[in-house]
Amino acid sequence: MKGRRRTKGSRAAKGGDPAGKGRNPARKGRRRIMKGRRRNMKGKGLLRKLLLAAAVVAFLLSPLSSMARSLAIMAPYSLLCYQKSVLKQEGIRLRIPGGISTLKSDWYPLVITFNDDEGMSGYLGEDVRFTVLYSFGHYDHFKGSSVYYDPISPYFSSFYGGYIIKPEDGTRRFGFNKDGTVNTTELAKVPEYDQLYLVLSSLGCPGDKLLFKSTDALIEYDVEYAGFSGWVRIDSNIRTNSPVHEYKEFHQAYLQYGKPFSRSKDKDSSPEDFYIVTLRGRAYARYFEELKATIVLYIMAPSWTTVEECDSMLLSRTRIQWTQSDEAGR
């Protein structure tokens, strides 16, 4: 049932105020209080937003966010490289687990993809397709950089990952002799180029200091690995430059590893930048006839303990697959 319509001023008339000026002072008071509360709430809301913004900025500028910044850059960059890689174009799946799979503070969470067909072709003196997959030591969240720089870390100067080398000459079995034995001299050129020109040079190591020498190779044939038989395993000692150096100017490599650790020359027994260290290296190499390409899985670390741990927990879980196509069957 509809209610009776009230005329203007009817409430005032009941209170004896025909002009309506003195109507309901209690309501006016409540309105004033509510407006005041709203102003206070707006002020508090603005303060909260400012505090949140300040906290976000402080986090982004702090060492704690360093790995997040690295991942934000390297994850899309790696995906872009993958789209242009021999892996993508030839329908090859080379899956190497990243450090995130161990649930330990050991390796960087991702395995990054990078291509350098032109650089490797120039270094080898022949046309090849070349893609490298790699990961390095985890981030020290308090120092804001990878322990790749830390001489006391088990992951100092360490990498693991894979290479795929596909010569344009489809009859070339890169890294292997005609009798099927491994050509260690040729094969060693791949990690040599990677370490000297893709890693150390990108950190600012002068050309006249660059060193990579693999010695004392122990070779084992017909190894079962990563779901395939017929691998060659090569263990060796490696003398090369460490990544330790003082920050002088920005280098692009700092986007992934972070800036080098600050170090005290009083405590560091080798204060020279990029001083020489001896590392342990392990590589599994196999020529895949179906792909007309050589795949190498590798680890480089300061000790055999780290090499063995990485091998059992990560590298051995590599999966290799491919789709049959005219390209892969060339």
Protein backbone atom coordinates (compact mmCIF):
# COMPACT_ATOMS: atom_id res chain seq x y z
CA MET A 1 0.00 0.00 0.00
CA LYS A 2 1.39 3.36 -0.98
CA GLY A 3 2.00 5.86 1.85
CA ARG A 4 0.59 9.34 2.02
CA ARG A 5 2.76 11.84 0.11
CA ARG A 6 4.26 14.48 2.34
CA THR A 7 4.35 18.11 1.34
CA LYS A 8 7.42 20.26 1.61
CA GLY A 9 7.88 21.67 5.07
CA SER A 10 5.44 19.22 6.65
CA ARG A 11 8.06 17.99 9.12
CA ALA A 12 8.95 21.56 10.00
CA ALA A 13 5.32 22.47 10.42
CA LYS A 14 4.88 19.74 12.98
CA GLY A 15 7.74 21.22 14.98
CA GLY A 16 6.42 24.78 14.66
CA ASP A 17 9.17 25.88 12.25
CA PRO A 18 7.44 27.01 9.04
CA ALA A 19 10.73 28.07 7.45
CA GLY A 20 12.24 24.62 8.10
CA LYS A 21 15.56 26.14 9.17
CA GLY A 22 15.78 24.36 12.49
CA ARG A 23 14.86 20.88 11.34
CA ASN A 24 16.53 17.84 12.94
CA PRO A 25 19.76 19.28 14.40
CA ALA A 26 20.77 15.79 15.61
CA ARG A 27 20.92 14.55 12.01
CA LYS A 28 23.09 17.51 11.03
CA GLY A 29 25.49 16.61 13.80
CA ARG A 30 25.67 13.05 12.63
CA ARG A 31 26.38 14.20 9.10
CA ARG A 32 29.23 16.36 10.30
CA ILE A 33 30.68 13.41 12.20
CA MET A 34 30.38 11.13 9.15
CA LYS A 35 32.07 13.70 6.91
CA GLY A 36 34.88 14.00 9.42
CA ARG A 37 35.27 10.24 9.54
CA ARG A 38 35.38 10.07 5.75
CA ARG A 39 38.10 12.71 5.65
CA ASN A 40 40.07 10.76 8.27
CA MET A 41 39.60 7.51 6.32
CA LYS A 42 40.78 9.19 3.11
CA GLY A 43 43.82 10.50 4.93
CA LYS A 44 44.57 7.09 6.39
CA GLY A 45 44.04 5.43 2.99
CA LEU A 46 46.50 7.82 1.36
CA LEU A 47 49.01 7.18 4.13
CA ARG A 48 48.68 3.43 3.65
CA LYS A 49 49.22 3.80 -0.11
CA LEU A 50 52.31 5.94 0.45
CA LEU A 51 53.71 3.45 2.95
CA LEU A 52 53.02 0.56 0.57
CA ALA A 53 54.67 2.41 -2.32
CA ALA A 54 57.69 3.20 -0.15
CA ALA A 55 57.93 -0.45 0.92
CA VAL A 56 57.78 -1.63 -2.71
CA VAL A 57 60.48 0.84 -3.78
CA ALA A 58 62.66 -0.14 -0.81
CA PHE A 59 62.25 -3.83 -1.69
CA LEU A 60 63.08 -3.27 -5.36
CA LEU A 61 66.23 -1.37 -4.42
CA SER A 62 67.32 -3.83 -1.74
CA PRO A 63 69.51 -6.93 -2.22
CA LEU A 64 66.49 -9.10 -1.34
CA SER A 65 64.88 -8.32 -4.70
CA SER A 66 68.00 -8.94 -6.78
CA MET A 67 67.06 -12.44 -7.95
CA ALA A 68 63.51 -11.28 -8.76
CA ARG A 69 64.99 -8.56 -10.98
CA SER A 70 67.28 -11.09 -12.64
CA LEU A 71 64.42 -13.51 -13.30
CA ALA A 72 62.19 -10.71 -14.62
CA ILE A 73 64.84 -9.97 -17.25
CA MET A 74 66.25 -13.42 -18.02
CA ALA A 75 63.01 -15.43 -18.24
CA PRO A 76 61.53 -13.48 -21.19
CA TYR A 77 64.98 -13.09 -22.78
CA SER A 78 65.51 -16.85 -22.62
CA LEU A 79 62.10 -17.46 -24.18
CA LEU A 80 62.91 -15.04 -27.00
CA CYS A 81 66.21 -16.84 -27.64
CA TYR A 82 64.45 -20.20 -27.62
CA GLN A 83 62.04 -19.05 -30.33
CA LYS A 84 65.02 -18.40 -32.62
CA SER A 85 67.05 -21.44 -31.59
CA VAL A 86 67.99 -24.58 -33.49
CA LEU A 87 65.93 -26.42 -30.86
CA LYS A 88 62.71 -24.65 -31.79
CA GLN A 89 63.35 -24.58 -35.52
CA GLU A 90 64.33 -28.26 -35.70
CA GLY A 91 61.59 -29.51 -33.36
CA ILE A 92 64.03 -30.67 -30.66
CA ARG A 93 63.08 -30.75 -26.98
CA LEU A 94 66.14 -30.51 -24.73
CA ARG A 95 64.81 -30.20 -21.18
CA ILE A 96 67.34 -29.72 -18.36
CA PRO A 97 65.91 -29.18 -14.86
CA GLY A 98 66.63 -25.84 -13.19
CA GLY A 99 67.69 -25.22 -9.61
CA ILE A 100 64.09 -24.67 -8.56
CA SER A 101 63.52 -28.44 -8.84
CA THR A 102 65.92 -29.28 -5.97
CA LEU A 103 64.22 -27.06 -3.34
CA LYS A 104 67.72 -26.17 -2.12
CA SER A 105 69.89 -23.07 -2.24
CA ASP A 106 72.18 -24.42 -4.90
CA TRP A 107 71.55 -23.28 -8.46
CA TYR A 108 69.69 -20.46 -10.22
CA PRO A 109 66.01 -21.42 -10.62
CA LEU A 110 66.02 -21.41 -14.43
CA VAL A 111 68.05 -22.96 -17.21
CA ILE A 112 68.55 -20.10 -19.69
CA THR A 113 68.68 -20.46 -23.48
CA PHE A 114 71.10 -18.47 -25.64
CA ASN A 115 72.00 -18.65 -29.36
CA ASP A 116 75.20 -17.65 -31.10
CA ASP A 117 75.34 -19.26 -34.54
CA GLU A 118 77.49 -16.47 -35.95
CA GLY A 119 79.98 -16.31 -33.08
CA MET A 120 80.53 -20.06 -32.85
CA SER A 121 80.77 -20.37 -36.65
CA GLY A 122 83.48 -17.72 -36.69
CA TYR A 123 85.35 -19.41 -33.84
CA LEU A 124 85.24 -22.88 -35.42
CA GLY A 125 85.84 -21.67 -38.98
CA GLU A 126 82.73 -23.42 -40.34
CA ASP A 127 79.02 -22.73 -40.49
CA VAL A 128 77.13 -24.24 -37.56
CA ARG A 129 73.91 -23.77 -35.66
CA PHE A 130 74.71 -23.33 -31.97
CA THR A 131 72.52 -23.06 -28.87
CA VAL A 132 73.66 -23.15 -25.26
CA LEU A 133 71.52 -23.88 -22.20
CA TYR A 134 73.01 -22.92 -18.85
CA SER A 135 72.47 -22.25 -15.17
CA PHE A 136 74.80 -20.93 -12.47
CA GLY A 137 75.03 -20.59 -8.70
CA HIS A 138 72.02 -19.39 -6.69
CA TYR A 139 71.63 -15.82 -5.42
CA ASP A 140 72.88 -14.70 -2.03
CA HIS A 141 69.88 -12.59 -1.03
CA PHE A 142 71.84 -10.51 1.46
CA LYS A 143 74.66 -9.67 -0.94
CA GLY A 144 72.30 -9.26 -3.88
CA SER A 145 74.30 -11.30 -6.39
CA SER A 146 74.94 -14.89 -7.45
CA VAL A 147 77.36 -17.03 -5.43
CA TYR A 148 78.98 -17.57 -8.82
CA TYR A 149 81.24 -14.73 -7.58
CA ASP A 150 81.87 -16.19 -4.10
CA PRO A 151 85.22 -18.03 -3.73
CA ILE A 152 84.04 -19.92 -0.62
CA SER A 153 80.82 -21.21 -2.21
CA PRO A 154 80.57 -24.77 -3.62
CA TYR A 155 79.04 -23.09 -6.71
CA PHE A 156 81.84 -20.58 -7.26
CA SER A 157 82.59 -20.07 -10.96
CA SER A 158 80.17 -22.93 -11.70
CA PHE A 159 77.84 -23.72 -14.58
CA TYR A 160 75.83 -26.68 -15.82
CA GLY A 161 73.68 -27.10 -18.90
CA GLY A 162 73.88 -28.26 -22.49
CA TYR A 163 75.13 -27.43 -25.98
CA ILE A 164 73.74 -28.39 -29.35
CA ILE A 165 76.00 -27.99 -32.36
CA LYS A 166 74.62 -28.68 -35.82
CA PRO A 167 77.03 -28.16 -38.76
CA GLU A 168 75.54 -26.93 -42.04
CA ASP A 169 77.51 -29.76 -43.64
CA GLY A 170 75.18 -32.65 -42.89
CA THR A 171 77.99 -35.20 -43.23
CA ARG A 172 80.01 -33.67 -40.33
CA ARG A 173 79.90 -35.54 -37.02
CA PHE A 174 81.09 -32.65 -34.90
CA GLY A 175 83.36 -33.66 -32.01
CA PHE A 176 83.87 -37.20 -33.30
CA ASN A 177 86.39 -38.89 -35.56
CA LYS A 178 85.43 -41.13 -38.47
CA ASP A 179 86.03 -44.24 -36.36
CA GLY A 180 83.55 -43.04 -33.73
CA THR A 181 86.12 -41.99 -31.13
CA VAL A 182 85.74 -38.59 -29.53
CA ASN A 183 87.79 -35.69 -30.85
CA THR A 184 88.51 -33.97 -27.52
CA THR A 185 90.43 -31.10 -29.13
CA GLU A 186 87.50 -30.16 -31.35
CA LEU A 187 84.90 -30.75 -28.66
CA ALA A 188 86.79 -28.60 -26.13
CA LYS A 189 86.46 -25.59 -28.43
CA VAL A 190 82.78 -25.33 -27.51
CA PRO A 191 83.12 -24.76 -23.74
CA GLU A 192 86.28 -22.76 -24.45
CA TYR A 193 84.36 -20.29 -26.64
CA ASP A 194 81.50 -20.21 -24.15
CA GLN A 195 83.70 -19.48 -21.13
CA LEU A 196 86.05 -16.99 -22.79
CA TYR A 197 83.76 -15.01 -25.06
CA LEU A 198 80.22 -15.48 -23.81
CA VAL A 199 80.95 -15.39 -20.06
CA LEU A 200 84.26 -13.81 -19.06
CA SER A 201 84.35 -11.16 -21.78
CA SER A 202 80.81 -10.13 -20.88
CA LEU A 203 82.04 -9.46 -17.32
CA GLY A 204 84.84 -7.22 -18.54
CA CYS A 205 87.79 -9.62 -18.41
CA PRO A 206 90.56 -8.18 -20.63
CA GLY A 207 91.39 -10.19 -23.72
CA ASP A 208 95.05 -10.61 -22.78
CA LYS A 209 94.04 -12.32 -19.52
CA LEU A 210 91.60 -14.85 -20.95
CA LEU A 211 92.52 -18.47 -20.27
CA PHE A 212 90.78 -21.83 -20.72
CA LYS A 213 92.74 -25.06 -20.69
CA SER A 214 91.32 -28.55 -20.19
CA THR A 215 93.76 -31.28 -19.06
CA ASP A 216 93.93 -34.80 -17.63
CA ALA A 217 90.91 -36.01 -19.56
CA LEU A 218 89.44 -39.33 -18.42
CA ILE A 219 87.22 -40.76 -21.16
CA GLU A 220 84.55 -43.45 -20.85
CA TYR A 221 82.61 -44.80 -23.87
CA ASP A 222 79.17 -46.39 -24.27
CA VAL A 223 77.61 -44.65 -21.29
CA GLU A 224 73.85 -44.92 -20.70
CA TYR A 225 72.56 -41.44 -19.91
CA ALA A 226 69.46 -39.25 -20.22
CA GLY A 227 67.47 -42.09 -21.76
CA PHE A 228 70.01 -42.94 -24.50
CA SER A 229 72.95 -45.29 -24.84
CA GLY A 230 76.19 -44.46 -26.63
CA TRP A 231 77.25 -41.34 -24.74
CA VAL A 232 80.92 -40.51 -24.16
CA ARG A 233 81.71 -39.20 -20.68
CA ILE A 234 84.74 -36.95 -20.25
CA ASP A 235 86.05 -35.84 -16.84
CA SER A 236 88.84 -33.28 -16.79
CA ASN A 237 90.54 -30.49 -14.89
CA ILE A 238 90.07 -26.97 -16.18
CA ARG A 239 92.29 -23.95 -15.63
CA THR A 240 90.46 -20.74 -16.36
CA ASN A 241 89.75 -17.27 -15.05
CA SER A 242 87.56 -16.83 -12.00
CA PRO A 243 84.77 -14.22 -12.22
CA VAL A 244 86.10 -12.32 -9.17
CA HIS A 245 86.70 -8.64 -9.92
CA GLU A 246 86.05 -5.18 -8.58
CA TYR A 247 83.08 -3.28 -9.96
CA LYS A 248 84.30 -0.46 -12.21
CA GLU A 249 81.51 0.05 -14.70
CA PHE A 250 78.25 -1.60 -15.69
CA HIS A 251 78.36 -4.75 -17.83
CA GLN A 252 75.32 -6.45 -19.32
CA ALA A 253 76.19 -9.72 -17.60
CA TYR A 254 75.35 -8.08 -14.27
CA LEU A 255 71.68 -8.27 -15.27
CA GLN A 256 71.77 -12.04 -14.71
CA TYR A 257 74.54 -12.62 -12.14
CA GLY A 258 74.22 -9.34 -10.23
CA LYS A 259 77.18 -7.08 -9.50
CA PRO A 260 80.44 -8.68 -8.29
CA PHE A 261 80.84 -9.00 -4.53
CA SER A 262 82.77 -6.27 -2.80
CA ARG A 263 85.95 -7.76 -1.39
CA SER A 264 88.62 -6.73 1.05
CA LYS A 265 92.16 -6.96 -0.28
CA ASP A 266 93.28 -7.65 3.29
CA LYS A 267 91.27 -10.88 3.38
CA ASP A 268 91.47 -11.95 -0.25
CA SER A 269 94.62 -13.95 -0.92
CA SER A 270 94.29 -13.24 -4.66
CA PRO A 271 93.26 -9.62 -5.08
CA GLU A 272 93.95 -9.60 -8.83
CA ASP A 273 90.82 -9.34 -10.97
CA PHE A 274 89.90 -12.53 -12.85
CA TYR A 275 92.64 -14.58 -11.22
CA ILE A 276 93.19 -18.15 -12.42
CA VAL A 277 91.45 -21.09 -10.71
CA THR A 278 91.33 -24.85 -11.25
CA LEU A 279 87.85 -26.30 -11.75
CA ARG A 280 86.47 -29.80 -12.31
CA GLY A 281 84.64 -30.48 -15.53
CA ARG A 282 82.35 -33.25 -16.71
CA ALA A 283 80.82 -33.57 -20.16
CA TYR A 284 78.55 -36.14 -21.81
CA ALA A 285 78.75 -36.01 -25.61
CA ARG A 286 76.73 -37.86 -28.23
CA TYR A 287 76.20 -37.46 -31.96
CA PHE A 288 72.52 -37.90 -32.87
CA GLU A 289 72.30 -39.26 -36.42
CA GLU A 290 68.58 -38.46 -36.59
CA LEU A 291 69.28 -34.78 -35.87
CA LYS A 292 72.63 -34.48 -37.67
CA ALA A 293 73.78 -32.72 -34.52
CA THR A 294 76.00 -33.22 -31.49
CA ILE A 295 74.56 -32.67 -28.02
CA VAL A 296 76.83 -32.05 -25.04
CA LEU A 297 75.65 -31.99 -21.42
CA TYR A 298 78.15 -30.41 -19.05
CA ILE A 299 79.03 -29.36 -15.48
CA MET A 300 81.87 -27.12 -14.31
CA ALA A 301 82.47 -26.56 -10.58
CA PRO A 302 85.27 -26.19 -7.99
CA SER A 303 84.99 -29.75 -6.63
CA TRP A 304 84.03 -33.23 -7.74
CA THR A 305 81.53 -33.27 -4.88
CA THR A 306 79.55 -30.44 -6.49
CA VAL A 307 79.90 -32.04 -9.92
CA GLU A 308 78.57 -35.40 -8.69
CA GLU A 309 75.69 -33.77 -6.81
CA CYS A 310 74.65 -31.71 -9.82
CA ASP A 311 74.94 -34.75 -12.07
CA SER A 312 72.72 -36.96 -9.91
CA MET A 313 70.13 -34.31 -8.95
CA LEU A 314 69.82 -32.30 -12.16
CA LEU A 315 71.80 -33.10 -15.29
CA SER A 316 71.01 -36.81 -15.36
CA ARG A 317 67.30 -35.92 -15.41
CA THR A 318 67.67 -34.26 -18.80
CA ARG A 319 65.09 -35.30 -21.39
CA ILE A 320 65.74 -35.22 -25.13
CA GLN A 321 62.96 -35.65 -27.70
CA TRP A 322 62.32 -34.51 -31.26
CA THR A 323 59.60 -34.51 -33.85
CA GLN A 324 60.18 -36.23 -37.18
CA SER A 325 60.42 -33.66 -39.95
CA ASP A 326 62.29 -32.97 -43.16
CA GLU A 327 64.47 -30.50 -41.26
CA ALA A 328 65.51 -32.95 -38.55
CA GLY A 329 66.17 -35.67 -41.07
CA ARG A 330 68.52 -33.73 -43.32
